[in-house]
Each structure stands twice: as structure tokens, then as C-alpha cells.
């Protein structure tokens, strides 16, 4: 399997975490190492919700987010779904730190998913091709991990495909194989 020739230069959307021209690009925050499950747990604890079942729901989102959604086994949309759940939770009545939780969910959505070697190549991770529920996530996508093969996408559970195939560009964009960019 070989990527389109334009992808061999290493120039793809894979290094971006937002779609160019999106309104969300102006609002986005930068994903960083500080975006962790324990950071989300801290936000849950300071949300102002005293109901234990609601706090459990908040904490569970963090466990799902870091325990599965970023793994190689997860579907390409699981991370976006978790970020959507985080934002929907942050919008519940009585949440004291909703802006912080929403900002955190946006940063979480930009984290790279895990990539591993598949048949001797470490492919880029596929993108979600469905729109997010919450508008705050419009145009926000996961970054690609360092060291992935530009122009090849897949995982242990999804066959490796060249750039231009389904899932090689995020929702709302189309692949341009002549430039290896999503437009």
C-alpha cells in the first residue's frame, strides 16, 4: 500500500487539529499534556454538583475518554462522542464551571489517538466522518500522533487505506490527493 505521491512530503491535515476556515478555529484551545483523566476528575469535583450519581456520570466520562476512546481499538468517532458528552454535561443546570469543562472537552477532542504498527507501517488514525452534537466541536479534530506514515490511515481493526479513502479527512472536508490536504 502506498500513499498518493503528494503525501510522501509529510504534508497532510494530520498535523492540524482544526479545519482551516472553520469558525471553531478562532475558539479552539491547544491540546496539551495537562489534558488528563485526573484533570477531568478535578473539574467534576469542582462542578458544584453534590448528587453522587451525577458526579459518577461525570467521572465515568473521563474513564471512558482516556481508557478507551484514545486507544487503537476505538472507532474513529468515540473520542468525539466523549467530548460531546463532556460538553452536554457542562451545560446541565447548576454546573458552576461549565466554561472550563467545555474548554477542557475541546482540548480533549484535539488529543491524538494511539497509533501502532500494522503490517510494518504506523498509519495515521482515521477521522470521524459524522458531525458533532455540540457546535463548540464544529471543525475540531484529533491531532495525529508523531511518527505516523503520512498518507496512510488505519488501525489494527480497520484495514490500512491511502489518503483519499473514507475517513482520511474529517467531517465537512474532502480529500485533495494532488496536495494531500483536506479542503
N, C-alpha and C. Protein backbone atom coordinates (compact mmCIF):
# COMPACT_ATOMS: atom_id res chain seq x y z
N UNK A 1 0.85 -1.17 0.00
CA UNK A 1 0.00 0.00 0.00
C UNK A 1 0.89 1.24 0.00
N UNK A 2 0.66 2.12 -0.93
CA UNK A 2 1.43 3.36 -0.97
C UNK A 2 0.49 4.56 -0.96
N UNK A 3 0.92 5.63 -0.31
CA UNK A 3 0.10 6.84 -0.28
C UNK A 3 0.20 7.58 -1.61
N UNK A 4 -0.71 8.52 -1.87
CA UNK A 4 -0.57 9.36 -3.06
C UNK A 4 0.78 10.08 -3.04
N UNK A 5 1.39 10.34 -4.20
CA UNK A 5 2.71 10.97 -4.24
C UNK A 5 2.81 12.27 -3.42
N UNK A 6 1.79 13.10 -3.44
CA UNK A 6 1.84 14.37 -2.69
C UNK A 6 1.97 14.15 -1.19
N UNK A 7 1.55 12.99 -0.71
CA UNK A 7 1.60 12.71 0.72
C UNK A 7 2.99 12.30 1.19
N UNK A 8 3.86 11.94 0.27
CA UNK A 8 5.20 11.49 0.68
C UNK A 8 6.04 12.62 1.25
N UNK A 9 5.60 13.87 1.07
CA UNK A 9 6.33 15.00 1.64
C UNK A 9 6.00 15.19 3.11
N UNK A 10 5.00 14.45 3.60
CA UNK A 10 4.61 14.56 5.01
C UNK A 10 3.65 15.69 5.27
N UNK A 11 3.11 16.28 4.22
CA UNK A 11 2.21 17.42 4.35
C UNK A 11 0.76 16.94 4.25
N UNK A 12 0.07 16.82 5.37
CA UNK A 12 -1.34 16.46 5.38
C UNK A 12 -2.03 17.19 6.51
N UNK A 13 -3.34 17.07 6.57
CA UNK A 13 -4.10 17.64 7.67
C UNK A 13 -3.68 17.00 8.98
N UNK A 14 -2.99 15.86 8.90
CA UNK A 14 -2.67 15.09 10.10
C UNK A 14 -1.94 15.89 11.17
N UNK A 15 -1.29 16.98 10.83
CA UNK A 15 -0.63 17.77 11.86
C UNK A 15 -1.53 18.86 12.41
N UNK A 16 -2.70 19.03 11.84
CA UNK A 16 -3.62 20.08 12.29
C UNK A 16 -4.65 19.52 13.25
N UNK A 17 -5.18 20.36 14.09
CA UNK A 17 -6.23 19.91 14.99
C UNK A 17 -7.53 20.64 14.75
N UNK A 18 -7.57 21.51 13.76
CA UNK A 18 -8.82 22.14 13.34
C UNK A 18 -8.82 22.24 11.83
N UNK A 19 -9.99 22.38 11.28
CA UNK A 19 -10.10 22.59 9.85
C UNK A 19 -9.89 24.06 9.56
N UNK A 20 -9.09 24.37 8.56
CA UNK A 20 -8.86 25.77 8.24
C UNK A 20 -10.16 26.41 7.79
N UNK A 21 -10.32 27.66 8.15
CA UNK A 21 -11.52 28.39 7.76
C UNK A 21 -12.71 28.12 8.66
N UNK A 22 -12.61 27.27 9.63
CA UNK A 22 -13.76 26.98 10.47
C UNK A 22 -13.91 28.06 11.53
N UNK A 23 -15.14 28.32 11.92
CA UNK A 23 -15.37 29.31 12.97
C UNK A 23 -14.84 28.82 14.29
N UNK A 24 -14.76 27.52 14.45
CA UNK A 24 -14.24 26.97 15.71
C UNK A 24 -12.75 27.21 15.84
N UNK A 25 -12.06 27.43 14.74
CA UNK A 25 -10.62 27.63 14.81
C UNK A 25 -10.28 28.84 15.68
N UNK A 26 -11.12 29.85 15.66
CA UNK A 26 -10.88 31.04 16.48
C UNK A 26 -11.09 30.75 17.96
N UNK A 27 -11.94 29.79 18.28
CA UNK A 27 -12.28 29.49 19.67
C UNK A 27 -11.44 28.37 20.25
N UNK A 28 -10.72 27.66 19.42
CA UNK A 28 -10.08 26.43 19.87
C UNK A 28 -9.01 26.68 20.92
N UNK A 29 -8.78 25.67 21.71
CA UNK A 29 -7.68 25.69 22.66
C UNK A 29 -6.68 24.65 22.20
N UNK A 30 -5.50 24.71 22.69
CA UNK A 30 -4.46 23.78 22.26
C UNK A 30 -4.42 22.58 23.19
N UNK A 31 -4.47 21.40 22.59
CA UNK A 31 -4.35 20.18 23.38
C UNK A 31 -2.95 20.11 23.97
N UNK A 32 -2.86 19.67 25.19
CA UNK A 32 -1.55 19.60 25.84
C UNK A 32 -1.52 18.42 26.79
N UNK A 33 -0.34 18.20 27.33
CA UNK A 33 -0.16 17.09 28.26
C UNK A 33 -0.99 17.29 29.53
N UNK A 34 -1.43 18.52 29.80
CA UNK A 34 -2.21 18.76 31.01
C UNK A 34 -3.65 18.27 30.88
N UNK A 35 -4.05 17.87 29.69
CA UNK A 35 -5.40 17.35 29.49
C UNK A 35 -5.35 15.85 29.80
N UNK A 36 -5.76 15.51 31.03
CA UNK A 36 -5.66 14.13 31.52
C UNK A 36 -6.96 13.71 32.19
N UNK A 37 -7.07 12.43 32.45
CA UNK A 37 -8.24 11.92 33.17
C UNK A 37 -8.34 12.54 34.56
N UNK A 38 -7.22 12.72 35.23
CA UNK A 38 -7.28 13.31 36.58
C UNK A 38 -7.69 14.77 36.51
N UNK A 39 -7.30 15.47 35.44
CA UNK A 39 -7.75 16.85 35.26
C UNK A 39 -9.25 16.94 35.09
N UNK A 40 -9.82 16.00 34.33
CA UNK A 40 -11.27 15.95 34.16
C UNK A 40 -11.94 15.62 35.49
N UNK A 41 -11.37 14.70 36.24
CA UNK A 41 -11.92 14.35 37.56
C UNK A 41 -11.94 15.56 38.48
N UNK A 42 -10.89 16.37 38.44
CA UNK A 42 -10.84 17.58 39.25
C UNK A 42 -11.96 18.54 38.85
N UNK A 43 -12.21 18.67 37.55
CA UNK A 43 -13.31 19.52 37.09
C UNK A 43 -14.65 18.98 37.57
N UNK A 44 -14.82 17.67 37.53
CA UNK A 44 -16.06 17.06 38.02
C UNK A 44 -16.26 17.39 39.49
N UNK A 45 -15.19 17.27 40.27
CA UNK A 45 -15.27 17.52 41.72
C UNK A 45 -15.62 18.97 42.02
N UNK A 46 -15.20 19.89 41.17
CA UNK A 46 -15.48 21.31 41.44
C UNK A 46 -16.66 21.84 40.63
N UNK A 47 -17.46 20.93 40.07
CA UNK A 47 -18.59 21.35 39.23
C UNK A 47 -19.76 21.91 40.03
N UNK A 48 -19.77 21.65 41.33
CA UNK A 48 -20.88 22.14 42.15
C UNK A 48 -22.03 21.17 42.26
N UNK A 49 -21.92 20.04 41.62
CA UNK A 49 -22.98 19.02 41.67
C UNK A 49 -22.72 18.13 42.88
N UNK A 50 -23.65 18.13 43.81
CA UNK A 50 -23.50 17.33 45.02
C UNK A 50 -24.09 15.94 44.90
N UNK A 51 -24.93 15.73 43.90
CA UNK A 51 -25.58 14.44 43.68
C UNK A 51 -24.54 13.41 43.25
N UNK A 52 -24.38 12.35 44.03
CA UNK A 52 -23.35 11.36 43.75
C UNK A 52 -23.54 10.66 42.41
N UNK A 53 -24.78 10.38 42.01
CA UNK A 53 -24.99 9.69 40.74
C UNK A 53 -24.58 10.59 39.57
N UNK A 54 -24.79 11.89 39.69
CA UNK A 54 -24.39 12.81 38.63
C UNK A 54 -22.87 12.95 38.61
N UNK A 55 -22.25 12.99 39.78
CA UNK A 55 -20.79 13.05 39.83
C UNK A 55 -20.19 11.77 39.25
N UNK A 56 -20.81 10.64 39.53
CA UNK A 56 -20.34 9.37 38.98
C UNK A 56 -20.39 9.41 37.45
N UNK A 57 -21.49 9.95 36.91
CA UNK A 57 -21.64 10.08 35.46
C UNK A 57 -20.49 10.92 34.89
N UNK A 58 -20.15 12.02 35.54
CA UNK A 58 -19.06 12.88 35.10
C UNK A 58 -17.73 12.13 35.13
N UNK A 59 -17.45 11.47 36.23
CA UNK A 59 -16.20 10.73 36.37
C UNK A 59 -16.10 9.60 35.34
N UNK A 60 -17.21 8.95 35.07
CA UNK A 60 -17.24 7.85 34.11
C UNK A 60 -16.86 8.33 32.71
N UNK A 61 -17.28 9.56 32.35
CA UNK A 61 -16.89 10.11 31.04
C UNK A 61 -15.38 10.19 30.93
N UNK A 62 -14.73 10.61 31.99
CA UNK A 62 -13.27 10.70 31.98
C UNK A 62 -12.62 9.34 31.83
N UNK A 63 -13.16 8.34 32.51
CA UNK A 63 -12.60 6.99 32.39
C UNK A 63 -12.77 6.46 30.97
N UNK A 64 -13.95 6.67 30.39
CA UNK A 64 -14.18 6.24 29.01
C UNK A 64 -13.26 6.99 28.06
N UNK A 65 -13.09 8.28 28.32
CA UNK A 65 -12.29 9.12 27.44
C UNK A 65 -10.85 8.70 27.36
N UNK A 66 -10.26 8.36 28.49
CA UNK A 66 -8.85 8.00 28.47
C UNK A 66 -8.64 6.50 28.45
N UNK A 67 -9.57 5.73 28.93
CA UNK A 67 -9.40 4.29 28.97
C UNK A 67 -9.66 3.60 27.64
N UNK A 68 -10.51 4.18 26.81
CA UNK A 68 -10.88 3.50 25.57
C UNK A 68 -10.84 4.42 24.34
N UNK A 69 -11.43 5.59 24.44
CA UNK A 69 -11.64 6.44 23.26
C UNK A 69 -10.36 6.81 22.52
N UNK A 70 -9.25 6.90 23.22
CA UNK A 70 -7.98 7.26 22.57
C UNK A 70 -7.17 6.04 22.14
N UNK A 71 -7.70 4.85 22.40
CA UNK A 71 -6.96 3.62 22.09
C UNK A 71 -7.09 3.24 20.62
N UNK A 72 -6.22 2.36 20.18
CA UNK A 72 -6.25 1.89 18.80
C UNK A 72 -7.50 1.05 18.52
N UNK A 73 -8.13 0.53 19.56
CA UNK A 73 -9.31 -0.32 19.37
C UNK A 73 -10.58 0.49 19.15
N UNK A 74 -10.56 1.77 19.49
CA UNK A 74 -11.78 2.59 19.43
C UNK A 74 -12.12 2.99 18.00
N UNK A 75 -13.40 3.09 17.72
CA UNK A 75 -13.90 3.62 16.47
C UNK A 75 -13.45 5.08 16.34
N UNK A 76 -13.33 5.57 15.13
CA UNK A 76 -12.83 6.93 14.89
C UNK A 76 -13.70 8.01 15.52
N UNK A 77 -14.97 7.72 15.84
CA UNK A 77 -15.86 8.75 16.39
C UNK A 77 -16.02 8.69 17.90
N UNK A 78 -15.44 7.71 18.57
CA UNK A 78 -15.63 7.58 20.02
C UNK A 78 -15.09 8.80 20.76
N UNK A 79 -13.92 9.28 20.39
CA UNK A 79 -13.35 10.45 21.06
C UNK A 79 -14.27 11.66 20.92
N UNK A 80 -14.80 11.88 19.73
CA UNK A 80 -15.74 12.99 19.51
C UNK A 80 -16.99 12.80 20.35
N UNK A 81 -17.49 11.57 20.42
CA UNK A 81 -18.69 11.30 21.22
C UNK A 81 -18.46 11.61 22.69
N UNK A 82 -17.28 11.24 23.22
CA UNK A 82 -16.96 11.53 24.62
C UNK A 82 -16.88 13.04 24.83
N UNK A 83 -16.23 13.76 23.91
CA UNK A 83 -16.15 15.22 24.03
C UNK A 83 -17.54 15.85 23.99
N UNK A 84 -18.41 15.32 23.14
CA UNK A 84 -19.80 15.80 23.09
C UNK A 84 -20.50 15.56 24.43
N UNK A 85 -20.30 14.37 25.02
CA UNK A 85 -20.90 14.08 26.33
C UNK A 85 -20.38 15.03 27.40
N UNK A 86 -19.08 15.33 27.35
CA UNK A 86 -18.49 16.25 28.32
C UNK A 86 -19.14 17.63 28.21
N UNK A 87 -19.31 18.11 26.99
CA UNK A 87 -19.92 19.43 26.78
C UNK A 87 -21.38 19.42 27.19
N UNK A 88 -22.10 18.37 26.84
CA UNK A 88 -23.52 18.29 27.25
C UNK A 88 -23.63 18.27 28.77
N UNK A 89 -22.73 17.58 29.44
CA UNK A 89 -22.72 17.57 30.91
C UNK A 89 -22.46 18.98 31.43
N UNK A 90 -21.49 19.66 30.84
CA UNK A 90 -21.13 21.01 31.29
C UNK A 90 -22.28 21.99 31.16
N UNK A 91 -23.22 21.70 30.28
CA UNK A 91 -24.37 22.59 30.05
C UNK A 91 -25.55 22.29 30.97
N UNK A 92 -25.42 21.27 31.83
CA UNK A 92 -26.50 20.95 32.77
C UNK A 92 -26.72 22.11 33.73
N UNK A 93 -27.96 22.32 34.16
CA UNK A 93 -28.22 23.38 35.14
C UNK A 93 -27.44 23.11 36.43
N UNK A 94 -26.89 24.14 37.00
CA UNK A 94 -26.20 24.02 38.27
C UNK A 94 -24.70 23.77 38.17
N UNK A 95 -24.18 23.55 36.97
CA UNK A 95 -22.74 23.35 36.81
C UNK A 95 -22.06 24.71 36.97
N UNK A 96 -21.15 24.79 37.93
CA UNK A 96 -20.50 26.07 38.25
C UNK A 96 -19.33 26.40 37.33
N UNK A 97 -18.70 25.40 36.77
CA UNK A 97 -17.50 25.62 35.96
C UNK A 97 -17.71 25.16 34.51
N UNK A 98 -18.87 25.46 33.97
CA UNK A 98 -19.20 24.95 32.63
C UNK A 98 -18.23 25.45 31.57
N UNK A 99 -17.80 26.70 31.63
CA UNK A 99 -16.86 27.20 30.62
C UNK A 99 -15.54 26.43 30.65
N UNK A 100 -15.05 26.15 31.87
CA UNK A 100 -13.81 25.37 32.00
C UNK A 100 -13.99 23.96 31.47
N UNK A 101 -15.14 23.35 31.75
CA UNK A 101 -15.40 21.99 31.27
C UNK A 101 -15.50 21.95 29.75
N UNK A 102 -16.14 22.95 29.17
CA UNK A 102 -16.27 23.00 27.71
C UNK A 102 -14.90 23.19 27.07
N UNK A 103 -14.10 24.09 27.60
CA UNK A 103 -12.75 24.31 27.09
C UNK A 103 -11.92 23.03 27.18
N UNK A 104 -12.07 22.33 28.30
CA UNK A 104 -11.35 21.07 28.51
C UNK A 104 -11.78 20.02 27.48
N UNK A 105 -13.09 19.93 27.23
CA UNK A 105 -13.61 18.96 26.26
C UNK A 105 -13.08 19.26 24.85
N UNK A 106 -12.98 20.53 24.51
CA UNK A 106 -12.44 20.91 23.20
C UNK A 106 -10.97 20.49 23.11
N UNK A 107 -10.21 20.74 24.16
CA UNK A 107 -8.80 20.33 24.17
C UNK A 107 -8.67 18.82 24.12
N UNK A 108 -9.54 18.12 24.85
CA UNK A 108 -9.54 16.66 24.83
C UNK A 108 -9.78 16.16 23.40
N UNK A 109 -10.71 16.77 22.70
CA UNK A 109 -11.05 16.35 21.34
C UNK A 109 -9.86 16.46 20.40
N UNK A 110 -8.92 17.34 20.72
CA UNK A 110 -7.75 17.55 19.86
C UNK A 110 -6.59 16.60 20.16
N UNK A 111 -6.70 15.84 21.23
CA UNK A 111 -5.61 14.91 21.57
C UNK A 111 -5.43 13.87 20.47
N UNK A 112 -4.21 13.46 20.20
CA UNK A 112 -4.01 12.38 19.22
C UNK A 112 -4.46 11.05 19.80
N UNK A 113 -5.00 10.21 18.93
CA UNK A 113 -5.33 8.85 19.33
C UNK A 113 -4.09 7.99 19.17
N UNK A 114 -4.07 6.84 19.80
CA UNK A 114 -2.92 5.94 19.71
C UNK A 114 -2.79 5.37 18.29
N UNK A 115 -1.57 5.20 17.87
CA UNK A 115 -1.28 4.57 16.58
C UNK A 115 -0.21 3.51 16.81
N UNK A 116 -0.39 2.37 16.19
CA UNK A 116 0.58 1.28 16.32
C UNK A 116 0.90 0.72 14.93
N UNK A 117 1.95 -0.05 14.86
CA UNK A 117 2.37 -0.65 13.61
C UNK A 117 1.34 -1.68 13.14
N UNK A 118 0.98 -1.56 11.88
CA UNK A 118 0.07 -2.51 11.23
C UNK A 118 0.77 -2.96 9.95
N UNK A 119 1.14 -4.22 9.89
CA UNK A 119 1.83 -4.78 8.72
C UNK A 119 3.07 -3.97 8.36
N UNK A 120 3.82 -3.55 9.37
CA UNK A 120 5.09 -2.87 9.13
C UNK A 120 5.01 -1.37 8.92
N UNK A 121 3.84 -0.79 9.03
CA UNK A 121 3.68 0.66 8.87
C UNK A 121 2.86 1.19 10.05
N UNK A 122 3.16 2.40 10.50
CA UNK A 122 2.36 3.03 11.55
C UNK A 122 1.45 4.04 10.85
N UNK A 123 0.21 3.64 10.56
CA UNK A 123 -0.68 4.53 9.82
C UNK A 123 -1.23 5.67 10.69
N UNK A 124 -1.60 6.76 10.02
CA UNK A 124 -2.32 7.84 10.69
C UNK A 124 -3.66 7.28 11.15
N UNK A 125 -4.26 7.90 12.15
CA UNK A 125 -5.56 7.44 12.64
C UNK A 125 -6.67 8.05 11.80
N UNK A 126 -7.71 7.28 11.57
CA UNK A 126 -8.84 7.75 10.78
C UNK A 126 -9.59 8.86 11.53
N UNK A 127 -10.27 9.69 10.76
CA UNK A 127 -11.06 10.79 11.32
C UNK A 127 -12.54 10.40 11.39
N UNK A 128 -13.25 11.02 12.31
CA UNK A 128 -14.69 10.85 12.40
C UNK A 128 -15.34 11.57 11.22
N UNK A 129 -16.28 10.90 10.58
CA UNK A 129 -16.94 11.49 9.41
C UNK A 129 -18.38 11.88 9.69
N UNK A 130 -18.71 12.05 10.97
CA UNK A 130 -20.04 12.49 11.37
C UNK A 130 -19.93 13.81 12.11
N UNK A 131 -20.96 14.65 12.03
CA UNK A 131 -20.89 15.94 12.73
C UNK A 131 -21.02 15.76 14.23
N UNK A 132 -20.39 16.65 15.00
CA UNK A 132 -20.58 16.60 16.45
C UNK A 132 -21.97 17.10 16.82
N UNK A 133 -22.43 16.74 18.01
CA UNK A 133 -23.72 17.20 18.51
C UNK A 133 -23.65 18.67 18.92
N UNK A 134 -22.58 19.03 19.61
CA UNK A 134 -22.44 20.39 20.14
C UNK A 134 -21.65 21.27 19.18
N UNK A 135 -22.14 22.49 18.93
CA UNK A 135 -21.46 23.38 17.98
C UNK A 135 -20.05 23.76 18.40
N UNK A 136 -19.75 23.69 19.68
CA UNK A 136 -18.40 24.01 20.15
C UNK A 136 -17.34 23.10 19.53
N UNK A 137 -17.76 21.93 19.07
CA UNK A 137 -16.81 20.97 18.49
C UNK A 137 -16.75 21.02 16.96
N UNK A 138 -17.54 21.90 16.36
CA UNK A 138 -17.52 22.01 14.90
C UNK A 138 -16.13 22.41 14.43
N UNK A 139 -15.57 21.64 13.54
CA UNK A 139 -14.25 21.92 13.00
C UNK A 139 -13.09 21.49 13.88
N UNK A 140 -13.37 20.93 15.05
CA UNK A 140 -12.31 20.47 15.95
C UNK A 140 -12.08 18.98 15.70
N UNK A 141 -10.83 18.62 15.45
CA UNK A 141 -10.49 17.22 15.16
C UNK A 141 -9.28 16.80 15.97
N UNK A 142 -9.07 15.50 16.03
CA UNK A 142 -7.90 14.98 16.74
C UNK A 142 -6.63 15.24 15.94
N UNK A 143 -5.58 15.56 16.66
CA UNK A 143 -4.25 15.65 16.05
C UNK A 143 -3.78 14.23 15.74
N UNK A 144 -2.80 14.12 14.88
CA UNK A 144 -2.22 12.82 14.59
C UNK A 144 -0.98 12.64 15.46
N UNK A 145 -0.73 11.42 15.92
CA UNK A 145 0.46 11.18 16.73
C UNK A 145 1.74 11.39 15.92
N UNK A 146 2.79 11.74 16.61
CA UNK A 146 4.10 11.88 15.98
C UNK A 146 4.56 10.52 15.44
N UNK A 147 5.14 10.54 14.26
CA UNK A 147 5.73 9.33 13.71
C UNK A 147 4.84 8.48 12.83
N UNK A 148 3.60 8.93 12.59
CA UNK A 148 2.74 8.13 11.71
C UNK A 148 3.14 8.34 10.25
N UNK A 149 2.77 7.39 9.42
CA UNK A 149 3.06 7.48 7.98
C UNK A 149 2.07 8.44 7.32
N UNK A 150 2.57 9.52 6.74
CA UNK A 150 1.65 10.45 6.09
C UNK A 150 1.02 9.80 4.86
N UNK A 151 -0.26 9.98 4.72
CA UNK A 151 -0.95 9.46 3.56
C UNK A 151 -1.48 8.05 3.68
N UNK A 152 -1.20 7.38 4.80
CA UNK A 152 -1.76 6.06 5.06
C UNK A 152 -2.53 6.11 6.37
N UNK A 153 -3.72 5.54 6.39
CA UNK A 153 -4.60 5.60 7.55
C UNK A 153 -5.12 4.22 7.87
N UNK A 154 -5.34 3.93 9.15
CA UNK A 154 -5.91 2.65 9.56
C UNK A 154 -5.59 2.36 11.00
N UNK A 155 -5.87 1.13 11.39
CA UNK A 155 -5.63 0.67 12.76
C UNK A 155 -5.63 -0.86 12.73
N UNK A 156 -5.36 -1.49 13.88
CA UNK A 156 -5.42 -2.95 13.89
C UNK A 156 -6.80 -3.50 13.54
N UNK A 157 -7.85 -2.70 13.77
CA UNK A 157 -9.21 -3.19 13.50
C UNK A 157 -9.79 -2.67 12.18
N UNK A 158 -9.06 -1.78 11.50
CA UNK A 158 -9.52 -1.22 10.22
C UNK A 158 -8.36 -1.34 9.23
N UNK A 159 -8.62 -1.87 8.03
CA UNK A 159 -7.53 -2.02 7.06
C UNK A 159 -6.85 -0.68 6.75
N UNK A 160 -5.56 -0.73 6.47
CA UNK A 160 -4.82 0.46 6.09
C UNK A 160 -5.27 0.89 4.69
N UNK A 161 -5.58 2.19 4.56
CA UNK A 161 -6.05 2.74 3.29
C UNK A 161 -5.24 4.00 2.96
N UNK A 162 -5.14 4.33 1.66
CA UNK A 162 -4.41 5.54 1.29
C UNK A 162 -5.26 6.79 1.50
N UNK A 163 -4.59 7.94 1.64
CA UNK A 163 -5.28 9.22 1.72
C UNK A 163 -6.22 9.35 0.54
N UNK A 164 -7.41 9.85 0.80
CA UNK A 164 -8.45 9.96 -0.22
C UNK A 164 -9.58 8.97 0.02
N UNK A 165 -9.31 7.93 0.80
CA UNK A 165 -10.34 6.95 1.16
C UNK A 165 -11.23 7.52 2.25
N UNK A 166 -12.38 6.87 2.48
CA UNK A 166 -13.28 7.29 3.55
C UNK A 166 -12.54 7.35 4.88
N UNK A 167 -12.77 8.42 5.63
CA UNK A 167 -12.19 8.56 6.96
C UNK A 167 -10.80 9.18 6.98
N UNK A 168 -10.25 9.50 5.82
CA UNK A 168 -8.92 10.12 5.80
C UNK A 168 -9.00 11.64 5.91
N UNK A 169 -10.21 12.17 5.87
CA UNK A 169 -10.46 13.59 6.14
C UNK A 169 -11.63 13.67 7.10
N UNK A 170 -11.63 14.67 7.98
CA UNK A 170 -12.72 14.81 8.95
C UNK A 170 -14.03 15.22 8.29
N UNK A 171 -15.10 15.08 9.05
CA UNK A 171 -16.43 15.50 8.61
C UNK A 171 -16.36 16.94 8.08
N UNK A 172 -17.01 17.16 6.96
CA UNK A 172 -17.10 18.50 6.40
C UNK A 172 -15.97 18.87 5.47
N UNK A 173 -15.03 17.97 5.25
CA UNK A 173 -13.94 18.27 4.33
C UNK A 173 -13.79 17.13 3.33
N UNK A 174 -13.09 17.44 2.26
CA UNK A 174 -12.87 16.46 1.19
C UNK A 174 -11.38 16.33 0.92
N UNK A 175 -10.94 15.13 0.56
CA UNK A 175 -9.52 14.94 0.27
C UNK A 175 -9.12 15.49 -1.09
N UNK A 176 -7.97 16.11 -1.16
CA UNK A 176 -7.37 16.53 -2.42
C UNK A 176 -6.05 15.77 -2.54
N UNK A 177 -6.08 14.67 -3.27
CA UNK A 177 -4.91 13.80 -3.37
C UNK A 177 -3.73 14.49 -4.06
N UNK A 178 -4.00 15.53 -4.85
CA UNK A 178 -2.90 16.23 -5.53
C UNK A 178 -2.07 17.07 -4.56
N UNK A 179 -2.67 17.43 -3.42
CA UNK A 179 -1.94 18.22 -2.41
C UNK A 179 -1.80 17.47 -1.09
N UNK A 180 -2.51 16.38 -0.95
CA UNK A 180 -2.56 15.61 0.30
C UNK A 180 -3.11 16.47 1.44
N UNK A 181 -4.11 17.28 1.11
CA UNK A 181 -4.77 18.13 2.11
C UNK A 181 -6.26 17.89 2.09
N UNK A 182 -6.88 18.09 3.23
CA UNK A 182 -8.34 18.05 3.33
C UNK A 182 -8.84 19.49 3.16
N UNK A 183 -9.77 19.67 2.25
CA UNK A 183 -10.27 21.02 1.98
C UNK A 183 -11.75 21.12 2.24
